[in-house]
Amino acid sequence: MTDPASTTDDERTRCAWAGDDPEYRRYHDEEWGRPLHGDRALFEKMALEGFQAGLSWITILRKRPRFREVFAGFDPALVGDFGDDDIARLMADPGIIRNRAKIEATIGNARIVREMAEGELDALMWSFAPAARRGARPRAMGEVPAVTPESQAMSAALRKRGFRFVGPTTMYALMQSAGMVDDHLEGCWRAA
């Protein structure tokens, strides 16, 4: 068993991945695993999870304020209007992850969201949330899956609509962060 919940210097027992970084702890305590709704909020999660692929989440958290600034608050209507000049601007910005494929995917994904009815992205993504866990919680991160049938189905449905950087592992991470699943470890103060 690795990465069990552990007690920290503020005397709260958290999932060990939160470590001692203040931003990671804040994210764990205030965001991760809490139900998140709204097309704009879920579009932002989708974009940031896509940018995170291959990197650590703390890197994205530290860059999130700049991402929000340069991606117009992740408003799909505005991001969907980005063109070549915006791509060049984003590629030159050291405050974000400068990966052309991820930038272009975010813009393309915004265009798809923009064409959807209000609330449609939220309803689509939440339709893949599994039933609430019954029984024991995971005792270590090694017991938490990286991919589930639900994340595979969500990924397939999004890809069918043309979304990119929405693989099943990325979508499971989104499901965790948006509270579609609750993977707080046994003993964590946030465990429901």
N, C-alpha and C. Protein backbone atom coordinates (compact mmCIF):
# COMPACT_ATOMS: atom_id res chain seq x y z
N MET A 1 0.86 -1.17 0.00
CA MET A 1 0.00 0.00 0.00
C MET A 1 0.90 1.23 0.00
N THR A 2 0.65 2.15 -0.93
CA THR A 2 1.42 3.39 -1.00
C THR A 2 0.48 4.58 -0.93
N ASP A 3 1.02 5.71 -0.55
CA ASP A 3 0.29 6.97 -0.53
C ASP A 3 -1.00 6.93 0.28
N PRO A 4 -0.97 6.42 1.51
CA PRO A 4 -2.21 6.49 2.30
C PRO A 4 -2.48 7.92 2.71
N ALA A 5 -3.66 8.13 3.26
CA ALA A 5 -3.95 9.44 3.82
C ALA A 5 -2.98 9.68 4.97
N SER A 6 -2.52 10.91 5.10
CA SER A 6 -1.55 11.21 6.16
C SER A 6 -1.90 12.52 6.84
N THR A 7 -1.54 12.60 8.11
CA THR A 7 -1.80 13.79 8.89
C THR A 7 -0.69 14.79 8.64
N THR A 8 -1.07 16.05 8.45
CA THR A 8 -0.10 17.09 8.12
C THR A 8 0.08 18.02 9.31
N ASP A 9 0.95 19.00 9.15
CA ASP A 9 1.27 19.90 10.25
C ASP A 9 0.09 20.73 10.72
N ASP A 10 -0.97 20.85 9.92
CA ASP A 10 -2.16 21.57 10.40
C ASP A 10 -3.16 20.61 11.06
N GLU A 11 -2.71 19.38 11.28
CA GLU A 11 -3.45 18.34 11.99
C GLU A 11 -4.67 17.83 11.25
N ARG A 12 -4.72 18.07 9.94
CA ARG A 12 -5.77 17.48 9.11
C ARG A 12 -5.18 16.28 8.39
N THR A 13 -5.96 15.23 8.33
CA THR A 13 -5.54 14.06 7.58
C THR A 13 -6.06 14.22 6.16
N ARG A 14 -5.13 14.18 5.21
CA ARG A 14 -5.47 14.37 3.80
C ARG A 14 -4.93 13.19 2.98
N CYS A 15 -5.43 13.10 1.75
CA CYS A 15 -4.81 12.19 0.78
C CYS A 15 -3.35 12.62 0.66
N ALA A 16 -2.45 11.66 0.72
CA ALA A 16 -1.02 11.98 0.77
C ALA A 16 -0.54 12.77 -0.44
N TRP A 17 -1.22 12.64 -1.59
CA TRP A 17 -0.75 13.37 -2.78
C TRP A 17 -0.80 14.88 -2.58
N ALA A 18 -1.61 15.36 -1.63
CA ALA A 18 -1.68 16.80 -1.38
C ALA A 18 -0.38 17.33 -0.78
N GLY A 19 0.40 16.47 -0.16
CA GLY A 19 1.72 16.84 0.34
C GLY A 19 1.70 18.05 1.25
N ASP A 20 2.78 18.84 1.17
CA ASP A 20 2.87 20.02 2.03
C ASP A 20 2.89 21.33 1.25
N ASP A 21 2.66 21.27 -0.06
CA ASP A 21 2.58 22.48 -0.86
C ASP A 21 1.26 23.17 -0.56
N PRO A 22 1.29 24.45 -0.15
CA PRO A 22 0.04 25.14 0.22
C PRO A 22 -1.01 25.16 -0.90
N GLU A 23 -0.58 25.34 -2.15
CA GLU A 23 -1.55 25.38 -3.25
C GLU A 23 -2.17 24.01 -3.48
N TYR A 24 -1.36 22.96 -3.37
CA TYR A 24 -1.88 21.60 -3.54
C TYR A 24 -2.89 21.29 -2.42
N ARG A 25 -2.54 21.67 -1.20
CA ARG A 25 -3.46 21.44 -0.08
C ARG A 25 -4.77 22.20 -0.29
N ARG A 26 -4.68 23.46 -0.70
CA ARG A 26 -5.88 24.26 -0.94
C ARG A 26 -6.74 23.60 -2.02
N TYR A 27 -6.11 23.17 -3.10
CA TYR A 27 -6.82 22.50 -4.18
C TYR A 27 -7.51 21.23 -3.66
N HIS A 28 -6.78 20.43 -2.90
CA HIS A 28 -7.35 19.21 -2.33
C HIS A 28 -8.53 19.53 -1.43
N ASP A 29 -8.37 20.51 -0.57
CA ASP A 29 -9.39 20.82 0.43
C ASP A 29 -10.61 21.52 -0.14
N GLU A 30 -10.41 22.37 -1.15
CA GLU A 30 -11.49 23.23 -1.62
C GLU A 30 -12.08 22.84 -2.97
N GLU A 31 -11.35 22.10 -3.78
CA GLU A 31 -11.83 21.83 -5.15
C GLU A 31 -11.94 20.35 -5.50
N TRP A 32 -10.89 19.59 -5.32
CA TRP A 32 -10.81 18.23 -5.84
C TRP A 32 -11.90 17.36 -5.23
N GLY A 33 -12.71 16.81 -6.09
CA GLY A 33 -13.77 15.92 -5.64
C GLY A 33 -15.08 16.60 -5.30
N ARG A 34 -15.14 17.91 -5.42
CA ARG A 34 -16.40 18.63 -5.17
C ARG A 34 -17.16 18.77 -6.48
N PRO A 35 -18.45 18.48 -6.48
CA PRO A 35 -19.22 18.57 -7.72
C PRO A 35 -19.12 19.95 -8.37
N LEU A 36 -18.77 19.94 -9.64
CA LEU A 36 -18.61 21.15 -10.43
C LEU A 36 -19.55 21.08 -11.62
N HIS A 37 -20.33 22.13 -11.79
CA HIS A 37 -21.27 22.18 -12.90
C HIS A 37 -21.07 23.47 -13.68
N GLY A 38 -21.60 23.48 -14.90
CA GLY A 38 -21.54 24.64 -15.78
C GLY A 38 -20.62 24.38 -16.96
N ASP A 39 -21.10 24.75 -18.13
CA ASP A 39 -20.33 24.50 -19.35
C ASP A 39 -18.96 25.17 -19.31
N ARG A 40 -18.93 26.42 -18.88
CA ARG A 40 -17.67 27.17 -18.85
C ARG A 40 -16.68 26.52 -17.87
N ALA A 41 -17.15 26.20 -16.67
CA ALA A 41 -16.28 25.59 -15.66
C ALA A 41 -15.76 24.23 -16.14
N LEU A 42 -16.62 23.44 -16.75
CA LEU A 42 -16.19 22.12 -17.23
C LEU A 42 -15.29 22.24 -18.46
N PHE A 43 -15.53 23.25 -19.29
CA PHE A 43 -14.62 23.50 -20.41
C PHE A 43 -13.23 23.85 -19.88
N GLU A 44 -13.17 24.68 -18.85
CA GLU A 44 -11.87 25.00 -18.26
C GLU A 44 -11.19 23.74 -17.73
N LYS A 45 -11.92 22.90 -17.00
CA LYS A 45 -11.35 21.65 -16.49
C LYS A 45 -10.83 20.80 -17.64
N MET A 46 -11.63 20.68 -18.70
CA MET A 46 -11.22 19.89 -19.85
C MET A 46 -9.92 20.43 -20.44
N ALA A 47 -9.85 21.75 -20.61
CA ALA A 47 -8.67 22.37 -21.19
C ALA A 47 -7.44 22.15 -20.29
N LEU A 48 -7.59 22.42 -19.01
CA LEU A 48 -6.45 22.29 -18.10
C LEU A 48 -6.01 20.85 -17.95
N GLU A 49 -6.95 19.92 -17.90
CA GLU A 49 -6.57 18.50 -17.83
C GLU A 49 -5.83 18.10 -19.11
N GLY A 50 -6.25 18.65 -20.26
CA GLY A 50 -5.53 18.38 -21.51
C GLY A 50 -4.12 18.94 -21.48
N PHE A 51 -3.97 20.16 -20.96
CA PHE A 51 -2.62 20.74 -20.85
C PHE A 51 -1.77 19.95 -19.86
N GLN A 52 -2.38 19.34 -18.87
CA GLN A 52 -1.64 18.59 -17.86
C GLN A 52 -1.05 17.30 -18.40
N ALA A 53 -1.61 16.74 -19.44
CA ALA A 53 -1.16 15.44 -19.95
C ALA A 53 0.36 15.43 -20.09
N GLY A 54 0.99 14.50 -19.37
CA GLY A 54 2.43 14.36 -19.41
C GLY A 54 3.17 15.23 -18.40
N LEU A 55 2.44 16.03 -17.64
CA LEU A 55 3.04 16.93 -16.65
C LEU A 55 2.41 16.69 -15.28
N SER A 56 2.95 17.34 -14.26
CA SER A 56 2.36 17.22 -12.93
C SER A 56 1.23 18.24 -12.80
N TRP A 57 0.23 17.89 -12.00
CA TRP A 57 -0.92 18.78 -11.82
C TRP A 57 -0.51 20.06 -11.11
N ILE A 58 0.47 19.99 -10.22
CA ILE A 58 0.89 21.21 -9.51
C ILE A 58 1.43 22.24 -10.50
N THR A 59 2.05 21.79 -11.57
CA THR A 59 2.52 22.72 -12.60
C THR A 59 1.34 23.49 -13.18
N ILE A 60 0.26 22.80 -13.46
CA ILE A 60 -0.93 23.44 -14.02
C ILE A 60 -1.57 24.38 -12.99
N LEU A 61 -1.66 23.92 -11.74
CA LEU A 61 -2.25 24.78 -10.71
C LEU A 61 -1.49 26.10 -10.58
N ARG A 62 -0.19 26.02 -10.62
CA ARG A 62 0.61 27.24 -10.48
C ARG A 62 0.46 28.16 -11.69
N LYS A 63 0.19 27.59 -12.84
CA LYS A 63 0.03 28.38 -14.06
C LYS A 63 -1.44 28.74 -14.34
N ARG A 64 -2.37 28.20 -13.58
CA ARG A 64 -3.79 28.40 -13.85
C ARG A 64 -4.20 29.87 -13.92
N PRO A 65 -3.73 30.74 -13.02
CA PRO A 65 -4.14 32.15 -13.16
C PRO A 65 -3.75 32.75 -14.52
N ARG A 66 -2.56 32.41 -15.00
CA ARG A 66 -2.14 32.93 -16.31
C ARG A 66 -2.95 32.29 -17.43
N PHE A 67 -3.21 30.99 -17.33
CA PHE A 67 -4.07 30.32 -18.32
C PHE A 67 -5.41 31.04 -18.41
N ARG A 68 -6.00 31.34 -17.26
CA ARG A 68 -7.30 32.01 -17.25
C ARG A 68 -7.22 33.37 -17.92
N GLU A 69 -6.13 34.07 -17.66
CA GLU A 69 -5.96 35.41 -18.24
C GLU A 69 -5.83 35.34 -19.75
N VAL A 70 -4.95 34.48 -20.26
CA VAL A 70 -4.69 34.47 -21.71
C VAL A 70 -5.73 33.71 -22.51
N PHE A 71 -6.52 32.87 -21.84
CA PHE A 71 -7.61 32.15 -22.51
C PHE A 71 -8.97 32.77 -22.17
N ALA A 72 -9.00 34.08 -21.96
CA ALA A 72 -10.26 34.84 -21.81
C ALA A 72 -11.20 34.22 -20.77
N GLY A 73 -10.61 33.80 -19.63
CA GLY A 73 -11.44 33.21 -18.59
C GLY A 73 -12.08 31.89 -19.00
N PHE A 74 -11.55 31.28 -20.05
CA PHE A 74 -12.08 30.03 -20.61
C PHE A 74 -13.54 30.18 -21.03
N ASP A 75 -13.87 31.35 -21.54
CA ASP A 75 -15.20 31.56 -22.12
C ASP A 75 -15.17 30.95 -23.52
N PRO A 76 -15.90 29.86 -23.74
CA PRO A 76 -15.86 29.19 -25.05
C PRO A 76 -16.18 30.11 -26.22
N ALA A 77 -17.09 31.07 -26.02
CA ALA A 77 -17.46 31.98 -27.11
C ALA A 77 -16.26 32.82 -27.52
N LEU A 78 -15.47 33.25 -26.56
CA LEU A 78 -14.30 34.07 -26.87
C LEU A 78 -13.13 33.23 -27.38
N VAL A 79 -12.86 32.12 -26.70
CA VAL A 79 -11.74 31.26 -27.10
C VAL A 79 -11.99 30.68 -28.49
N GLY A 80 -13.24 30.40 -28.79
CA GLY A 80 -13.58 29.87 -30.10
C GLY A 80 -13.27 30.82 -31.24
N ASP A 81 -13.13 32.12 -30.93
CA ASP A 81 -12.78 33.11 -31.94
C ASP A 81 -11.27 33.29 -32.12
N PHE A 82 -10.47 32.62 -31.31
CA PHE A 82 -9.01 32.76 -31.42
C PHE A 82 -8.56 32.28 -32.80
N GLY A 83 -7.58 32.99 -33.34
CA GLY A 83 -7.02 32.64 -34.64
C GLY A 83 -5.51 32.51 -34.59
N ASP A 84 -4.88 32.62 -35.75
CA ASP A 84 -3.44 32.42 -35.86
C ASP A 84 -2.63 33.39 -35.00
N ASP A 85 -3.06 34.65 -34.93
CA ASP A 85 -2.34 35.62 -34.10
C ASP A 85 -2.41 35.23 -32.62
N ASP A 86 -3.55 34.71 -32.21
CA ASP A 86 -3.69 34.28 -30.82
C ASP A 86 -2.81 33.06 -30.54
N ILE A 87 -2.76 32.15 -31.48
CA ILE A 87 -1.90 30.97 -31.31
C ILE A 87 -0.45 31.42 -31.16
N ALA A 88 -0.02 32.35 -32.00
CA ALA A 88 1.35 32.87 -31.90
C ALA A 88 1.58 33.55 -30.55
N ARG A 89 0.60 34.32 -30.09
CA ARG A 89 0.70 34.99 -28.79
C ARG A 89 0.82 33.96 -27.67
N LEU A 90 0.01 32.94 -27.71
CA LEU A 90 0.04 31.90 -26.68
C LEU A 90 1.33 31.10 -26.72
N MET A 91 1.83 30.82 -27.92
CA MET A 91 3.08 30.07 -28.05
C MET A 91 4.27 30.86 -27.50
N ALA A 92 4.15 32.17 -27.44
CA ALA A 92 5.24 33.02 -26.94
C ALA A 92 5.11 33.31 -25.44
N ASP A 93 4.05 32.85 -24.80
CA ASP A 93 3.79 33.19 -23.40
C ASP A 93 4.43 32.16 -22.46
N PRO A 94 5.46 32.55 -21.72
CA PRO A 94 6.13 31.60 -20.82
C PRO A 94 5.30 31.26 -19.59
N GLY A 95 4.18 31.94 -19.38
CA GLY A 95 3.35 31.69 -18.21
C GLY A 95 2.41 30.51 -18.35
N ILE A 96 2.36 29.91 -19.55
CA ILE A 96 1.49 28.75 -19.77
C ILE A 96 2.32 27.60 -20.35
N ILE A 97 1.68 26.50 -20.62
CA ILE A 97 2.32 25.37 -21.30
C ILE A 97 2.25 25.68 -22.80
N ARG A 98 3.41 25.85 -23.41
CA ARG A 98 3.45 26.26 -24.82
C ARG A 98 3.55 25.03 -25.73
N ASN A 99 2.45 24.36 -25.86
CA ASN A 99 2.35 23.18 -26.70
C ASN A 99 1.30 23.48 -27.76
N ARG A 100 1.74 23.61 -28.99
CA ARG A 100 0.85 24.01 -30.08
C ARG A 100 -0.35 23.09 -30.21
N ALA A 101 -0.14 21.78 -30.14
CA ALA A 101 -1.25 20.85 -30.30
C ALA A 101 -2.30 21.05 -29.21
N LYS A 102 -1.86 21.30 -27.98
CA LYS A 102 -2.80 21.51 -26.87
C LYS A 102 -3.50 22.85 -27.00
N ILE A 103 -2.79 23.87 -27.44
CA ILE A 103 -3.41 25.18 -27.66
C ILE A 103 -4.47 25.08 -28.75
N GLU A 104 -4.11 24.46 -29.86
CA GLU A 104 -5.07 24.33 -30.96
C GLU A 104 -6.26 23.47 -30.57
N ALA A 105 -6.03 22.43 -29.77
CA ALA A 105 -7.13 21.59 -29.30
C ALA A 105 -8.08 22.39 -28.41
N THR A 106 -7.52 23.22 -27.55
CA THR A 106 -8.36 24.04 -26.66
C THR A 106 -9.24 24.99 -27.47
N ILE A 107 -8.66 25.60 -28.49
CA ILE A 107 -9.44 26.50 -29.35
C ILE A 107 -10.51 25.72 -30.11
N GLY A 108 -10.12 24.59 -30.67
CA GLY A 108 -11.09 23.75 -31.39
C GLY A 108 -12.19 23.25 -30.47
N ASN A 109 -11.82 22.84 -29.25
CA ASN A 109 -12.82 22.37 -28.29
C ASN A 109 -13.78 23.49 -27.91
N ALA A 110 -13.25 24.72 -27.80
CA ALA A 110 -14.11 25.87 -27.48
C ALA A 110 -15.15 26.07 -28.59
N ARG A 111 -14.72 25.90 -29.83
CA ARG A 111 -15.65 26.06 -30.95
C ARG A 111 -16.78 25.04 -30.88
N ILE A 112 -16.46 23.82 -30.46
CA ILE A 112 -17.49 22.79 -30.33
C ILE A 112 -18.45 23.16 -29.21
N VAL A 113 -17.91 23.57 -28.06
CA VAL A 113 -18.76 23.94 -26.92
C VAL A 113 -19.66 25.12 -27.30
N ARG A 114 -19.09 26.07 -28.03
CA ARG A 114 -19.84 27.26 -28.45
C ARG A 114 -21.06 26.88 -29.28
N GLU A 115 -20.97 25.82 -30.04
CA GLU A 115 -22.07 25.39 -30.90
C GLU A 115 -23.10 24.53 -30.16
N MET A 116 -22.78 24.11 -28.96
CA MET A 116 -23.69 23.29 -28.17
C MET A 116 -24.73 24.17 -27.49
N ALA A 117 -25.85 23.61 -27.17
CA ALA A 117 -26.87 24.34 -26.41
C ALA A 117 -26.35 24.59 -25.00
N GLU A 118 -26.82 25.68 -24.38
CA GLU A 118 -26.39 25.97 -23.02
C GLU A 118 -26.76 24.81 -22.10
N GLY A 119 -25.78 24.37 -21.32
CA GLY A 119 -25.98 23.25 -20.40
C GLY A 119 -25.73 21.89 -21.01
N GLU A 120 -25.53 21.85 -22.32
CA GLU A 120 -25.37 20.56 -22.99
C GLU A 120 -24.06 19.87 -22.62
N LEU A 121 -22.96 20.62 -22.53
CA LEU A 121 -21.69 20.01 -22.14
C LEU A 121 -21.78 19.46 -20.73
N ASP A 122 -22.35 20.24 -19.82
CA ASP A 122 -22.53 19.80 -18.44
C ASP A 122 -23.34 18.50 -18.40
N ALA A 123 -24.48 18.49 -19.08
CA ALA A 123 -25.34 17.30 -19.07
C ALA A 123 -24.62 16.10 -19.69
N LEU A 124 -23.91 16.33 -20.78
CA LEU A 124 -23.19 15.24 -21.43
C LEU A 124 -22.14 14.65 -20.50
N MET A 125 -21.31 15.50 -19.93
CA MET A 125 -20.22 14.99 -19.08
C MET A 125 -20.76 14.31 -17.83
N TRP A 126 -21.74 14.92 -17.19
CA TRP A 126 -22.28 14.32 -15.97
C TRP A 126 -23.07 13.05 -16.24
N SER A 127 -23.48 12.83 -17.48
CA SER A 127 -24.20 11.59 -17.79
C SER A 127 -23.30 10.37 -17.62
N PHE A 128 -21.99 10.58 -17.57
CA PHE A 128 -21.05 9.47 -17.41
C PHE A 128 -20.60 9.27 -15.97
N ALA A 129 -21.07 10.09 -15.05
CA ALA A 129 -20.70 9.94 -13.64
C ALA A 129 -21.24 8.61 -13.13
N PRO A 130 -20.40 7.81 -12.54
CA PRO A 130 -20.88 6.52 -12.02
C PRO A 130 -21.73 6.71 -10.78
N ALA A 131 -22.43 5.68 -10.42
CA ALA A 131 -23.20 5.71 -9.17
C ALA A 131 -22.24 5.91 -8.01
N ALA A 132 -22.74 6.49 -6.94
CA ALA A 132 -21.91 6.73 -5.76
C ALA A 132 -21.30 5.42 -5.28
N ARG A 133 -20.08 5.53 -4.80
CA ARG A 133 -19.34 4.36 -4.31
C ARG A 133 -20.10 3.71 -3.15
N ARG A 134 -20.12 2.41 -3.20
CA ARG A 134 -20.68 1.64 -2.09
C ARG A 134 -19.54 0.81 -1.54
N GLY A 135 -19.47 0.75 -0.26
CA GLY A 135 -18.42 -0.06 0.35
C GLY A 135 -17.20 0.76 0.70
N ALA A 136 -16.11 0.07 0.86
CA ALA A 136 -14.87 0.69 1.36
C ALA A 136 -14.27 1.67 0.36
N ARG A 137 -13.70 2.70 0.90
CA ARG A 137 -12.93 3.68 0.11
C ARG A 137 -11.57 3.10 -0.18
N PRO A 138 -10.91 3.64 -1.20
CA PRO A 138 -9.52 3.22 -1.42
C PRO A 138 -8.67 3.64 -0.22
N ARG A 139 -7.71 2.80 0.14
CA ARG A 139 -6.83 3.11 1.26
C ARG A 139 -5.51 3.71 0.78
N ALA A 140 -5.26 3.61 -0.52
CA ALA A 140 -4.03 4.14 -1.10
C ALA A 140 -4.30 4.51 -2.55
N MET A 141 -3.52 5.45 -3.09
CA MET A 141 -3.73 5.87 -4.47
C MET A 141 -3.54 4.71 -5.44
N GLY A 142 -2.77 3.74 -5.08
CA GLY A 142 -2.59 2.55 -5.92
C GLY A 142 -3.89 1.78 -6.12
N GLU A 143 -4.87 2.00 -5.27
CA GLU A 143 -6.17 1.35 -5.40
C GLU A 143 -7.15 2.17 -6.24
N VAL A 144 -6.74 3.37 -6.63
CA VAL A 144 -7.58 4.24 -7.44
C VAL A 144 -7.26 3.98 -8.91
N PRO A 145 -8.27 3.71 -9.73
CA PRO A 145 -7.98 3.44 -11.15
C PRO A 145 -7.55 4.70 -11.89
N ALA A 146 -6.84 4.49 -12.99
CA ALA A 146 -6.47 5.60 -13.88
C ALA A 146 -7.51 5.76 -14.98
N VAL A 147 -8.21 4.67 -15.27
CA VAL A 147 -9.22 4.63 -16.34
C VAL A 147 -10.36 3.76 -15.83
N THR A 148 -11.58 4.14 -16.19
CA THR A 148 -12.75 3.33 -15.83
C THR A 148 -13.62 3.18 -17.08
N PRO A 149 -14.56 2.26 -17.05
CA PRO A 149 -15.48 2.16 -18.19
C PRO A 149 -16.20 3.49 -18.46
N GLU A 150 -16.53 4.22 -17.38
CA GLU A 150 -17.21 5.50 -17.55
C GLU A 150 -16.31 6.54 -18.21
N SER A 151 -15.03 6.58 -17.83
CA SER A 151 -14.13 7.56 -18.46
C SER A 151 -13.85 7.18 -19.90
N GLN A 152 -13.82 5.89 -20.19
CA GLN A 152 -13.66 5.45 -21.58
C GLN A 152 -14.87 5.86 -22.41
N ALA A 153 -16.06 5.68 -21.85
CA ALA A 153 -17.28 6.06 -22.57
C ALA A 153 -17.36 7.57 -22.76
N MET A 154 -16.99 8.35 -21.74
CA MET A 154 -16.99 9.80 -21.86
C MET A 154 -16.02 10.23 -22.94
N SER A 155 -14.83 9.67 -22.92
CA SER A 155 -13.81 10.00 -23.92
C SER A 155 -14.32 9.71 -25.32
N ALA A 156 -14.92 8.53 -25.51
CA ALA A 156 -15.43 8.15 -26.83
C ALA A 156 -16.53 9.10 -27.29
N ALA A 157 -17.44 9.48 -26.39
CA ALA A 157 -18.53 10.38 -26.76
C ALA A 157 -17.99 11.77 -27.13
N LEU A 158 -17.03 12.25 -26.37
CA LEU A 158 -16.45 13.57 -26.68
C LEU A 158 -15.67 13.54 -27.99
N ARG A 159 -14.90 12.48 -28.20
CA ARG A 159 -14.14 12.35 -29.45
C ARG A 159 -15.08 12.27 -30.66
N LYS A 160 -16.19 11.59 -30.48
CA LYS A 160 -17.15 11.48 -31.57
C LYS A 160 -17.67 12.85 -31.99
N ARG A 161 -17.75 13.77 -31.04
CA ARG A 161 -18.20 15.14 -31.33
C ARG A 161 -17.06 16.01 -31.86
N GLY A 162 -15.83 15.49 -31.85
CA GLY A 162 -14.70 16.23 -32.39
C GLY A 162 -13.74 16.80 -31.36
N PHE A 163 -14.01 16.61 -30.07
CA PHE A 163 -13.11 17.09 -29.03
C PHE A 163 -11.76 16.37 -29.11
N ARG A 164 -10.71 17.10 -28.74
CA ARG A 164 -9.35 16.53 -28.72
C ARG A 164 -8.74 16.68 -27.32
N PHE A 165 -7.72 15.87 -27.06
CA PHE A 165 -7.05 15.80 -25.76
C PHE A 165 -8.05 15.44 -24.66
N VAL A 166 -8.89 14.45 -24.98
CA VAL A 166 -9.91 13.99 -24.05
C VAL A 166 -9.84 12.46 -23.91
N GLY A 167 -8.62 11.94 -23.78
CA GLY A 167 -8.44 10.50 -23.62
C GLY A 167 -9.05 10.00 -22.33
N PRO A 168 -9.20 8.68 -22.19
CA PRO A 168 -9.87 8.13 -21.01
C PRO A 168 -9.15 8.41 -19.69
N THR A 169 -7.83 8.46 -19.69
CA THR A 169 -7.11 8.79 -18.46
C THR A 169 -7.33 10.25 -18.09
N THR A 170 -7.26 11.12 -19.09
CA THR A 170 -7.50 12.55 -18.87
C THR A 170 -8.92 12.77 -18.39
N MET A 171 -9.87 12.05 -18.95
CA MET A 171 -11.26 12.22 -18.54
C MET A 171 -11.50 11.66 -17.15
N TYR A 172 -10.77 10.62 -16.75
CA TYR A 172 -10.95 10.15 -15.37
C TYR A 172 -10.41 11.18 -14.39
N ALA A 173 -9.28 11.80 -14.73
CA ALA A 173 -8.75 12.88 -13.88
C ALA A 173 -9.77 14.01 -13.77
N LEU A 174 -10.43 14.35 -14.88
CA LEU A 174 -11.48 15.38 -14.85
C LEU A 174 -12.63 14.93 -13.96
N MET A 175 -13.03 13.67 -14.08
CA MET A 175 -14.13 13.16 -13.26
C MET A 175 -13.79 13.28 -11.77
N GLN A 176 -12.54 13.01 -11.42
CA GLN A 176 -12.12 13.15 -10.02
C GLN A 176 -12.16 14.63 -9.59
N SER A 177 -11.55 15.48 -10.41
CA SER A 177 -11.44 16.88 -10.00
C SER A 177 -12.80 17.57 -9.99
N ALA A 178 -13.71 17.17 -10.87
CA ALA A 178 -15.04 17.79 -10.94
C ALA A 178 -16.06 17.10 -10.05
N GLY A 179 -15.62 16.17 -9.23
CA GLY A 179 -16.52 15.54 -8.27
C GLY A 179 -17.49 14.54 -8.84
N MET A 180 -17.25 14.08 -10.06
CA MET A 180 -18.10 13.04 -10.63
C MET A 180 -17.84 11.70 -9.94
N VAL A 181 -16.63 11.57 -9.42
CA VAL A 181 -16.26 10.43 -8.57
C VAL A 181 -15.57 11.02 -7.34
N ASP A 182 -15.61 10.30 -6.24
CA ASP A 182 -14.97 10.74 -5.01
C ASP A 182 -13.90 9.73 -4.65
N ASP A 183 -12.67 10.08 -4.95
CA ASP A 183 -11.55 9.18 -4.69
C ASP A 183 -10.70 9.63 -3.50
N HIS A 184 -11.28 10.43 -2.60
CA HIS A 184 -10.54 10.75 -1.38
C HIS A 184 -10.31 9.44 -0.62
N LEU A 185 -9.12 9.30 -0.11
CA LEU A 185 -8.73 8.06 0.55
C LEU A 185 -9.37 7.89 1.92
N GLU A 186 -9.49 6.64 2.32
CA GLU A 186 -9.99 6.35 3.65
C GLU A 186 -9.15 7.10 4.69
N GLY A 187 -9.81 7.77 5.58
CA GLY A 187 -9.11 8.54 6.60
C GLY A 187 -8.93 10.01 6.27
N CYS A 188 -9.09 10.39 5.00
CA CYS A 188 -8.96 11.79 4.59
C CYS A 188 -10.13 12.56 5.17
N TRP A 189 -9.87 13.77 5.66
CA TRP A 189 -10.95 14.57 6.25
C TRP A 189 -12.03 14.93 5.24
N ARG A 190 -11.68 14.91 3.93
CA ARG A 190 -12.66 15.24 2.89
C ARG A 190 -13.48 14.02 2.45
N ALA A 191 -13.13 12.85 2.91
CA ALA A 191 -13.86 11.64 2.50
C ALA A 191 -15.31 11.76 2.99
N ALA A 192 -16.25 11.60 2.08
CA ALA A 192 -17.68 11.73 2.44
C ALA A 192 -18.10 10.60 3.35
